[in-house]
C-alpha atoms as a PDB file:
ATOM      1  CA  MET A   1      28.742 -18.254  21.636  1.00  0.00           C
ATOM      2  CA  SER A   2      29.226 -14.713  23.620  1.00  0.00           C
ATOM      3  CA  ARG A   3      27.444 -12.625  26.083  1.00  0.00           C
ATOM      4  CA  ILE A   4      27.743  -8.840  25.866  1.00  0.00           C
ATOM      5  CA  ARG A   5      26.617  -6.143  28.066  1.00  0.00           C
ATOM      6  CA  ILE A   6      25.735  -2.549  26.518  1.00  0.00           C
ATOM      7  CA  THR A   7      25.702   0.453  28.823  1.00  0.00           C
ATOM      8  CA  PHE A   8      23.702   3.526  27.728  1.00  0.00           C
ATOM      9  CA  GLN A   9      23.750   7.008  29.373  1.00  0.00           C
ATOM     10  CA  VAL A  10      20.125   7.849  30.525  1.00  0.00           C
ATOM     11  CA  GLY A  11      18.819  10.931  28.899  1.00  0.00           C
ATOM     12  CA  ASN A  12      15.884  11.732  31.332  1.00  0.00           C
ATOM     13  CA  ARG A  13      16.470   9.938  34.564  1.00  0.00           C
ATOM     14  CA  GLY A  14      13.512   9.715  36.729  1.00  0.00           C
ATOM     15  CA  VAL A  15      10.688   8.733  34.188  1.00  0.00           C
ATOM     16  CA  ALA A  16       8.904   5.710  34.892  1.00  0.00           C
ATOM     17  CA  ILE A  17       8.596   2.439  32.316  1.00  0.00           C
ATOM     18  CA  PRO A  18       6.818  -0.648  32.884  1.00  0.00           C
ATOM     19  CA  PHE A  19       8.295  -3.048  35.791  1.00  0.00           C
ATOM     20  CA  HIS A  20       8.033  -5.938  33.118  1.00  0.00           C
ATOM     21  CA  HIS A  21       9.548  -4.026  30.055  1.00  0.00           C
ATOM     22  CA  GLN A  22      10.779  -6.972  27.899  1.00  0.00           C
ATOM     23  CA  PHE A  23       7.941  -6.398  25.359  1.00  0.00           C
ATOM     24  CA  LEU A  24       9.506  -2.656  24.790  1.00  0.00           C
ATOM     25  CA  LEU A  25      13.178  -4.166  24.460  1.00  0.00           C
ATOM     26  CA  ALA A  26      11.786  -6.936  22.215  1.00  0.00           C
ATOM     27  CA  GLN A  27      10.339  -4.285  20.008  1.00  0.00           C
ATOM     28  CA  ILE A  28      13.334  -2.264  19.904  1.00  0.00           C
ATOM     29  CA  ILE A  29      15.518  -5.222  18.955  1.00  0.00           C
ATOM     30  CA  ARG A  30      12.996  -6.586  16.428  1.00  0.00           C
ATOM     31  CA  GLY A  31      12.790  -3.078  14.840  1.00  0.00           C
ATOM     32  CA  LEU A  32      16.881  -2.957  14.470  1.00  0.00           C
ATOM     33  CA  ILE A  33      16.783  -5.999  12.826  1.00  0.00           C
ATOM     34  CA  VAL A  34      14.272  -5.249  10.451  1.00  0.00           C
ATOM     35  CA  SER A  35      15.088  -1.755   9.624  1.00  0.00           C
ATOM     36  CA  SER A  36      18.649  -3.077   8.818  1.00  0.00           C
ATOM     37  CA  GLY A  37      17.703  -4.452   5.530  1.00  0.00           C
ATOM     38  CA  ASP A  38      20.049  -7.490   6.288  1.00  0.00           C
ATOM     39  CA  ASN A  39      17.685 -10.627   5.379  1.00  0.00           C
ATOM     40  CA  LYS A  40      20.339 -12.909   7.371  1.00  0.00           C
ATOM     41  CA  TYR A  41      19.014 -12.197  10.686  1.00  0.00           C
ATOM     42  CA  GLN A  42      15.398 -11.396   9.917  1.00  0.00           C
ATOM     43  CA  ASN A  43      14.076 -14.736  11.553  1.00  0.00           C
ATOM     44  CA  TYR A  44      16.862 -15.446  13.980  1.00  0.00           C
ATOM     45  CA  SER A  45      15.839 -16.317  17.327  1.00  0.00           C
ATOM     46  CA  PHE A  46      18.769 -17.933  19.116  1.00  0.00           C
ATOM     47  CA  TYR A  47      19.347 -14.916  21.765  1.00  0.00           C
ATOM     48  CA  SER A  48      18.259 -13.649  24.838  1.00  0.00           C
ATOM     49  CA  PHE A  49      18.423 -10.301  26.711  1.00  0.00           C
ATOM     50  CA  SER A  50      17.748  -9.057  30.327  1.00  0.00           C
ATOM     51  CA  GLY A  51      15.789  -6.114  31.546  1.00  0.00           C
ATOM     52  CA  LEU A  52      17.579  -2.715  31.897  1.00  0.00           C
ATOM     53  CA  LYS A  53      19.831  -3.071  34.719  1.00  0.00           C
ATOM     54  CA  GLY A  54      20.454   0.272  36.920  1.00  0.00           C
ATOM     55  CA  GLN A  55      19.452   1.939  40.045  1.00  0.00           C
ATOM     56  CA  THR A  56      15.533   2.223  40.387  1.00  0.00           C
ATOM     57  CA  ARG A  57      12.755   3.336  42.729  1.00  0.00           C
ATOM     58  CA  VAL A  58       9.422   1.732  42.158  1.00  0.00           C
ATOM     59  CA  SER A  59       6.068   3.540  42.222  1.00  0.00           C
ATOM     60  CA  ARG A  60       2.433   2.647  41.393  1.00  0.00           C
ATOM     61  CA  ASN A  61       3.425   3.984  37.615  1.00  0.00           C
ATOM     62  CA  GLY A  62       6.423   1.644  37.457  1.00  0.00           C
ATOM     63  CA  LEU A  63       9.989   1.624  37.455  1.00  0.00           C
ATOM     64  CA  HIS A  64      11.911   4.784  37.764  1.00  0.00           C
ATOM     65  CA  TYR A  65      15.605   4.802  36.715  1.00  0.00           C
ATOM     66  CA  THR A  66      17.654   7.177  38.883  1.00  0.00           C
ATOM     67  CA  SER A  67      21.042   6.134  37.683  1.00  0.00           C
ATOM     68  CA  SER A  68      23.075   8.210  34.900  1.00  0.00           C
ATOM     69  CA  ARG A  69      23.669   4.852  33.348  1.00  0.00           C
ATOM     70  CA  VAL A  70      21.764   1.335  32.650  1.00  0.00           C
ATOM     71  CA  THR A  71      23.040  -1.845  31.224  1.00  0.00           C
ATOM     72  CA  LEU A  72      21.260  -4.367  29.014  1.00  0.00           C
ATOM     73  CA  VAL A  73      22.909  -8.035  28.817  1.00  0.00           C
ATOM     74  CA  ILE A  74      22.309  -9.604  25.368  1.00  0.00           C
ATOM     75  CA  SER A  75      23.643 -13.276  24.599  1.00  0.00           C
ATOM     76  CA  SER A  76      23.639 -15.309  21.300  1.00  0.00           C
ATOM     77  CA  LEU A  77      24.791 -18.525  19.972  1.00  0.00           C
ATOM     78  CA  ASP A  78      25.971 -16.499  16.896  1.00  0.00           C
ATOM     79  CA  LYS A  79      28.858 -13.868  17.670  1.00  0.00           C
ATOM     80  CA  ASN A  80      28.278 -12.564  14.295  1.00  0.00           C
ATOM     81  CA  PHE A  81      24.715 -11.874  15.289  1.00  0.00           C
ATOM     82  CA  LEU A  82      25.779  -9.759  18.120  1.00  0.00           C
ATOM     83  CA  SER A  83      28.137  -7.762  16.123  1.00  0.00           C
ATOM     84  CA  PHE A  84      25.414  -7.149  13.945  1.00  0.00           C
ATOM     85  CA  LEU A  85      23.244  -6.003  16.715  1.00  0.00           C
ATOM     86  CA  VAL A  86      25.829  -3.713  18.144  1.00  0.00           C
ATOM     87  CA  GLU A  87      26.330  -2.214  14.873  1.00  0.00           C
ATOM     88  CA  GLN A  88      22.620  -1.390  14.737  1.00  0.00           C
ATOM     89  CA  VAL A  89      22.310  -0.107  18.289  1.00  0.00           C
ATOM     90  CA  PHE A  90      25.440   2.182  17.820  1.00  0.00           C
ATOM     91  CA  SER A  91      23.904   3.629  14.758  1.00  0.00           C
ATOM     92  CA  GLN A  92      21.288   5.395  16.799  1.00  0.00           C
ATOM     93  CA  GLU A  93      21.842   8.383  18.492  1.00  0.00           C
ATOM     94  CA  VAL A  94      19.099   7.833  21.057  1.00  0.00           C
ATOM     95  CA  ILE A  95      16.949   4.828  21.799  1.00  0.00           C
ATOM     96  CA  SER A  96      13.498   5.009  23.395  1.00  0.00           C
ATOM     97  CA  VAL A  97      12.232   2.534  25.630  1.00  0.00           C
ATOM     98  CA  GLY A  98       8.826   4.048  26.172  1.00  0.00           C
ATOM     99  CA  PRO A  99       9.440   7.556  27.571  1.00  0.00           C
ATOM    100  CA  LEU A 100      12.970   6.583  28.681  1.00  0.00           C
ATOM    101  CA  PHE A 101      15.654   7.978  26.320  1.00  0.00           C
ATOM    102  CA  LEU A 102      19.031   6.140  26.047  1.00  0.00           C
ATOM    103  CA  ASN A 103      22.266   6.952  24.698  1.00  0.00           C
ATOM    104  CA  PRO A 104      24.413   3.980  23.677  1.00  0.00           C
ATOM    105  CA  GLU A 105      27.705   4.573  25.340  1.00  0.00           C
ATOM    106  CA  HIS A 106      29.977   1.499  25.457  1.00  0.00           C
ATOM    107  CA  VAL A 107      30.024  -2.267  25.126  1.00  0.00           C
ATOM    108  CA  ASP A 108      31.777  -5.167  27.339  1.00  0.00           C
ATOM    109  CA  GLU A 109      31.906  -8.913  26.961  1.00  0.00           C
ATOM    110  CA  GLU A 110      31.350 -11.489  29.502  1.00  0.00           C
ATOM    111  CA  LEU A 111      34.131 -14.154  29.638  1.00  0.00           C
ATOM    112  CA  MET A 112      32.786 -17.523  28.985  1.00  0.00           C
ATOM    113  CA  THR A 113      32.802 -19.899  32.124  1.00  0.00           C
ATOM    114  CA  GLU A 114      33.584 -23.594  32.374  1.00  0.00           C
ATOM    115  CA  PHE A 115      30.562 -25.530  33.006  1.00  0.00           C
ATOM    116  CA  GLY A 116      30.342 -28.931  34.611  1.00  0.00           C
ATOM    117  CA  ASP A 117      27.173 -31.113  35.065  1.00  0.00           C
ATOM    118  CA  GLU A 118      25.780 -28.984  38.022  1.00  0.00           C
ATOM    119  CA  SER A 119      25.473 -25.056  38.081  1.00  0.00           C
ATOM    120  CA  LYS A 120      23.715 -22.669  40.152  1.00  0.00           C
ATOM    121  CA  PHE A 121      21.659 -19.995  38.329  1.00  0.00           C
ATOM    122  CA  ILE A 122      19.450 -16.882  38.786  1.00  0.00           C
ATOM    123  CA  CYS A 123      16.942 -15.626  36.753  1.00  0.00           C
ATOM    124  CA  ILE A 124      17.560 -12.073  35.181  1.00  0.00           C
ATOM    125  CA  SER A 125      14.413 -12.136  33.082  1.00  0.00           C
ATOM    126  CA  PRO A 126      11.300 -14.616  33.850  1.00  0.00           C
ATOM    127  CA  VAL A 127      11.469 -18.199  32.555  1.00  0.00           C
ATOM    128  CA  VAL A 128       8.349 -19.260  30.324  1.00  0.00           C
ATOM    129  CA  LEU A 129       7.339 -22.826  30.380  1.00  0.00           C
ATOM    130  CA  LEU A 130       3.998 -22.801  28.178  1.00  0.00           C
ATOM    131  CA  ASN A 131       3.192 -21.595  24.875  1.00  0.00           C
ATOM    132  CA  PRO A 132       0.140 -19.492  25.011  1.00  0.00           C
ATOM    133  CA  SER A 133      -3.083 -19.464  22.570  1.00  0.00           C
ATOM    134  CA  PHE A 134      -4.865 -16.356  21.674  1.00  0.00           C
ATOM    135  CA  ASN A 135      -7.954 -15.419  24.142  1.00  0.00           C
ATOM    136  CA  SER A 136      -7.356 -18.433  26.347  1.00  0.00           C
ATOM    137  CA  ASP A 137      -5.463 -19.359  29.556  1.00  0.00           C
ATOM    138  CA  THR A 138      -3.001 -22.008  28.212  1.00  0.00           C
ATOM    139  CA  GLY A 139      -0.077 -19.995  28.655  1.00  0.00           C
ATOM    140  CA  LYS A 140      -0.881 -18.910  32.230  1.00  0.00           C
ATOM    141  CA  ARG A 141      -1.125 -22.075  33.854  1.00  0.00           C
ATOM    142  CA  TYR A 142       0.848 -22.502  37.204  1.00  0.00           C
ATOM    143  CA  ILE A 143       3.323 -25.420  37.433  1.00  0.00           C
ATOM    144  CA  GLU A 144       4.860 -25.951  40.828  1.00  0.00           C
ATOM    145  CA  PRO A 145       8.618 -25.479  40.299  1.00  0.00           C
ATOM    146  CA  SER A 146       9.700 -28.401  42.474  1.00  0.00           C
ATOM    147  CA  THR A 147       7.779 -31.007  40.438  1.00  0.00           C
ATOM    148  CA  ASP A 148       8.823 -33.110  37.474  1.00  0.00           C
ATOM    149  CA  GLU A 149       6.502 -31.517  35.169  1.00  0.00           C
ATOM    150  CA  PHE A 150       8.069 -28.401  35.676  1.00  0.00           C
ATOM    151  CA  SER A 151      11.679 -29.840  34.681  1.00  0.00           C
ATOM    152  CA  ASP A 152      10.042 -31.816  31.847  1.00  0.00           C
ATOM    153  CA  PHE A 153       8.543 -28.795  30.302  1.00  0.00           C
ATOM    154  CA  LEU A 154      11.879 -27.207  30.336  1.00  0.00           C
ATOM    155  CA  PHE A 155      13.816 -30.258  29.167  1.00  0.00           C
ATOM    156  CA  GLU A 156      11.599 -30.778  25.842  1.00  0.00           C
ATOM    157  CA  SER A 157      11.694 -27.278  25.206  1.00  0.00           C
ATOM    158  CA  THR A 158      15.631 -27.266  25.438  1.00  0.00           C
ATOM    159  CA  LEU A 159      16.092 -30.385  23.240  1.00  0.00           C
ATOM    160  CA  ALA A 160      13.584 -28.720  20.475  1.00  0.00           C
ATOM    161  CA  ARG A 161      15.601 -25.538  20.391  1.00  0.00           C
ATOM    162  CA  MET A 162      18.766 -27.164  20.698  1.00  0.00           C
ATOM    163  CA  GLU A 163      17.972 -29.367  17.442  1.00  0.00           C
ATOM    164  CA  LYS A 164      16.242 -26.244  15.803  1.00  0.00           C
ATOM    165  CA  ALA A 165      19.685 -24.430  16.212  1.00  0.00           C
ATOM    166  CA  GLY A 166      21.388 -27.416  14.495  1.00  0.00           C
ATOM    167  CA  TRP A 167      22.856 -29.439  17.358  1.00  0.00           C
ATOM    168  CA  ASP A 168      22.605 -33.122  17.059  1.00  0.00           C
ATOM    169  CA  THR A 169      21.437 -33.901  20.797  1.00  0.00           C
ATOM    170  CA  ARG A 170      21.912 -37.583  20.231  1.00  0.00           C
ATOM    171  CA  LYS A 171      25.789 -37.214  20.289  1.00  0.00           C
ATOM    172  CA  ILE A 172      25.668 -35.433  23.708  1.00  0.00           C
ATOM    173  CA  LYS A 173      26.832 -37.606  26.538  1.00  0.00           C
ATOM    174  CA  ASP A 174      23.990 -37.862  29.358  1.00  0.00           C
ATOM    175  CA  ILE A 175      21.589 -35.850  27.339  1.00  0.00           C
ATOM    176  CA  ASP A 176      18.708 -37.132  29.201  1.00  0.00           C
ATOM    177  CA  THR A 177      20.123 -35.919  32.692  1.00  0.00           C
ATOM    178  CA  PHE A 178      18.129 -32.573  33.340  1.00  0.00           C
ATOM    179  CA  GLN A 179      16.813 -31.529  36.306  1.00  0.00           C
ATOM    180  CA  VAL A 180      15.853 -27.732  37.724  1.00  0.00           C
ATOM    181  CA  VAL A 181      15.978 -27.810  41.217  1.00  0.00           C
ATOM    182  CA  PRO A 182      14.644 -24.539  42.714  1.00  0.00           C
ATOM    183  CA  ASP A 183      16.217 -22.776  46.017  1.00  0.00           C
ATOM    184  CA  GLN A 184      13.158 -23.898  48.033  1.00  0.00           C
ATOM    185  CA  ASP A 185      14.305 -21.464  51.086  1.00  0.00           C
ATOM    186  CA  TYR A 186      14.078 -18.670  48.890  1.00  0.00           C
ATOM    187  CA  ILE A 187      10.598 -19.520  47.612  1.00  0.00           C
ATOM    188  CA  ASN A 188       9.360 -20.163  50.670  1.00  0.00           C
ATOM    189  CA  LYS A 189      10.556 -16.648  52.226  1.00  0.00           C
ATOM    190  CA  LEU A 190       8.733 -14.919  49.341  1.00  0.00           C
ATOM    191  CA  ARG A 191       5.686 -16.915  50.280  1.00  0.00           C
ATOM    192  CA  GLN A 192       5.857 -15.901  53.772  1.00  0.00           C
ATOM    193  CA  SER A 193       6.117 -12.343  52.891  1.00  0.00           C
ATOM    194  CA  GLN A 194       3.411 -12.429  50.501  1.00  0.00           C
ATOM    195  CA  LYS A 195       5.815 -11.794  47.505  1.00  0.00           C
ATOM    196  CA  LYS A 196       5.499 -13.361  44.121  1.00  0.00           C
ATOM    197  CA  PHE A 197       8.232 -15.735  42.344  1.00  0.00           C
ATOM    198  CA  SER A 198       5.594 -16.318  39.401  1.00  0.00           C
ATOM    199  CA  ARG A 199       3.586 -13.563  37.570  1.00  0.00           C
ATOM    200  CA  ILE A 200       1.549 -12.897  34.317  1.00  0.00           C
ATOM    201  CA  PHE A 201       3.405 -11.023  31.755  1.00  0.00           C
ATOM    202  CA  PRO A 202       2.531  -9.563  28.453  1.00  0.00           C
ATOM    203  CA  MET A 203       4.051 -10.715  25.336  1.00  0.00           C
ATOM    204  CA  TYR A 204       3.429  -9.598  21.749  1.00  0.00           C
ATOM    205  CA  HIS A 205       3.711 -11.665  18.766  1.00  0.00           C
ATOM    206  CA  GLN A 206       2.959  -9.921  15.074  1.00  0.00           C
ATOM    207  CA  ASP A 207       1.291  -7.281  17.178  1.00  0.00           C
ATOM    208  CA  VAL A 208      -1.173  -9.738  18.774  1.00  0.00           C
ATOM    209  CA  LYS A 209      -1.004  -9.553  22.789  1.00  0.00           C
ATOM    210  CA  TYR A 210      -0.615 -12.634  24.530  1.00  0.00           C
ATOM    211  CA  GLU A 211      -0.209 -13.417  28.184  1.00  0.00           C
ATOM    212  CA  VAL A 212       2.410 -15.681  29.660  1.00  0.00           C
ATOM    213  CA  ARG A 213       3.187 -17.021  32.995  1.00  0.00           C
ATOM    214  CA  GLY A 214       7.078 -16.378  34.104  1.00  0.00           C
ATOM    215  CA  TYR A 215       8.890 -17.561  37.052  1.00  0.00           C
ATOM    216  CA  THR A 216      11.866 -15.855  38.599  1.00  0.00           C
ATOM    217  CA  PHE A 217      13.845 -17.510  41.478  1.00  0.00           C
ATOM    218  CA  PRO A 218      17.521 -19.240  41.774  1.00  0.00           C
ATOM    219  CA  PHE A 219      17.879 -22.608  41.035  1.00  0.00           C
ATOM    220  CA  THR A 220      20.539 -25.661  40.745  1.00  0.00           C
ATOM    221  CA  LEU A 221      20.385 -27.365  36.929  1.00  0.00           C
ATOM    222  CA  TYR A 222      21.823 -30.658  36.489  1.00  0.00           C
ATOM    223  CA  ALA A 223      22.577 -31.185  33.070  1.00  0.00           C
ATOM    224  CA  SER A 224      25.441 -31.882  30.546  1.00  0.00           C
ATOM    225  CA  LYS A 225      28.290 -29.348  30.090  1.00  0.00           C
ATOM    226  CA  GLU A 226      26.793 -28.768  26.542  1.00  0.00           C
ATOM    227  CA  VAL A 227      23.412 -28.299  27.691  1.00  0.00           C
ATOM    228  CA  GLN A 228      24.271 -25.525  30.500  1.00  0.00           C
ATOM    229  CA  GLU A 229      26.255 -23.759  27.696  1.00  0.00           C
ATOM    230  CA  PHE A 230      23.577 -23.764  25.122  1.00  0.00           C
ATOM    231  CA  LEU A 231      21.321 -22.541  28.165  1.00  0.00           C
ATOM    232  CA  PHE A 232      23.631 -19.910  29.377  1.00  0.00           C
ATOM    233  CA  VAL A 233      23.789 -18.114  25.881  1.00  0.00           C
ATOM    234  CA  SER A 234      20.400 -18.616  24.497  1.00  0.00           C
ATOM    235  CA  GLY A 235      18.044 -18.690  27.534  1.00  0.00           C
ATOM    236  CA  LEU A 236      16.046 -21.207  29.428  1.00  0.00           C
ATOM    237  CA  GLY A 237      12.604 -22.067  28.450  1.00  0.00           C
ATOM    238  CA  ASN A 238      10.553 -20.411  25.776  1.00  0.00           C
ATOM    239  CA  PHE A 239      10.460 -16.975  23.928  1.00  0.00           C
ATOM    240  CA  SER A 240      14.103 -15.917  24.611  1.00  0.00           C
ATOM    241  CA  GLU A 241      13.766 -13.723  21.679  1.00  0.00           C
ATOM    242  CA  LYS A 242      11.017 -11.991  23.380  1.00  0.00           C
ATOM    243  CA  GLY A 243      13.190 -11.118  26.414  1.00  0.00           C
ATOM    244  CA  PHE A 244      12.503 -14.468  28.587  1.00  0.00           C
ATOM    245  CA  GLY A 245      14.456 -16.787  30.241  1.00  0.00           C
ATOM    246  CA  MET A 246      17.870 -15.065  30.517  1.00  0.00           C
ATOM    247  CA  ILE A 247      19.833 -16.692  33.329  1.00  0.00           C
ATOM    248  CA  ASP A 248      23.225 -15.794  34.969  1.00  0.00           C
ATOM    249  CA  LEU A 249      25.588 -17.491  37.518  1.00  0.00           C
ATOM    250  CA  ALA A 250      24.626 -17.502  41.203  1.00  0.00           C
ATOM    251  CA  ASN A 251      27.094 -15.941  43.613  1.00  0.00           C
ATOM    252  CA  SER A 252      29.148 -14.371  40.727  1.00  0.00           C
ATOM    253  CA  ASN A 253      29.646 -10.706  39.974  1.00  0.00           C
ATOM    254  CA  PRO A 254      29.516 -10.569  35.938  1.00  0.00           C
ATOM    255  CA  VAL A 255      31.282  -7.214  36.184  1.00  0.00           C
ATOM    256  CA  HIS A 256      34.353  -9.024  37.322  1.00  0.00           C
ATOM    257  CA  ARG A 257      34.568 -11.349  34.408  1.00  0.00           C
ATOM    258  CA  THR A 258      34.063  -8.711  31.555  1.00  0.00           C
ATOM    259  CA  VAL A 259      36.565  -7.461  29.045  1.00  0.00           C
ATOM    260  CA  PRO A 260      36.277  -4.583  26.299  1.00  0.00           C
ATOM    261  CA  TYR A 261      34.223  -5.834  23.529  1.00  0.00           C
ATOM    262  CA  GLN A 262      36.067  -6.111  20.373  1.00  0.00           C
ATOM    263  CA  VAL A 263      33.993  -5.376  17.429  1.00  0.00           C
ATOM    264  CA  ARG A 264      34.370  -8.184  15.041  1.00  0.00           C
ATOM    265  CA  GLU A 265      33.877  -8.204  11.390  1.00  0.00           C
ATOM    266  CA  LEU A 266      31.046 -10.303  10.250  1.00  0.00           C
ATOM    267  CA  VAL A 267      32.335 -13.408   8.745  1.00  0.00           C
ATOM    268  CA  ALA A 268      30.431 -16.295   6.561  1.00  0.00           C
ATOM    269  CA  VAL A 269      29.526 -19.133   8.713  1.00  0.00           C
END
C-alpha cells in the first residue's frame, strides 16, 4: 500500500481545462499502461488518483491553472504498480492534459497513517455509488448521504472490491461495522448558499461516454482498521481507476507527512 504525489512544472500557465478533468487523467494513465507493453497491469484497477492540485481561477471555460507547478496524488494497493507508473510518467518529456502541458519534475511519498475504527475524511475526487447503464439515468440517481442506503451501497462496493483484490473479508474483525456519516453542517451551508456537493460527471469506458453522480463532502467513517486502510489507498465507491473516490484525512496537511520517493526495483509478487 502506498500513496505518492507527483509534481509537474506547468508549461503554459493560464490555459483552461474542464473543471472535472478526471476523465482526461484516466485516459493518460490508461494510455501509459497500454503503451508500456507490460501485460502485468493491463487490467489492474486497484488504484485511485486526485485531480490536479494547484492555484487556479475559475471561468466559464473551466479551470485556469495559474501556479508554476501542480501536483497529482496517486495511491495503490500495489507499490510495484506505483513504481511502474512513475517510470512511465517520467519517460515522457511532456504530458498533455487537454491543452495543458505538464513536465514531470519530482515525486514524494506520503507516510501511511495508523487508523483506528473511526476517521474523518475529505473527498479529493467525487465518490460514485451507482453503476451507469448506456443511455439511461441509472448512474445519475440521487441518494441522500445521511441515509442508510448511501452507506449500504458503499459497504457492498467495498466488500466486492476487497474480495476481488484477494482479501478474505471473513477474517476481518467487525467487518460488518460500516457507516459513512456526512458532515451535515457542511452540507447545510452549501445548500443555504445554493452550492452543490453532488453533481453529474462524465466517465468513459472503452470510448463510450457515461454519466455518473458523484458526491464531494467531508465525512466520518466508522469501519475496521483494515477497511479504512483499503479505502485510503484504493478509493471509496466505484470507478477508482477512472479517478473517482479518492479520499484524504481531514484536518491534516499531507505535505507535512511526505518523504522523498525512493524508486523501487519491481519485484515478483
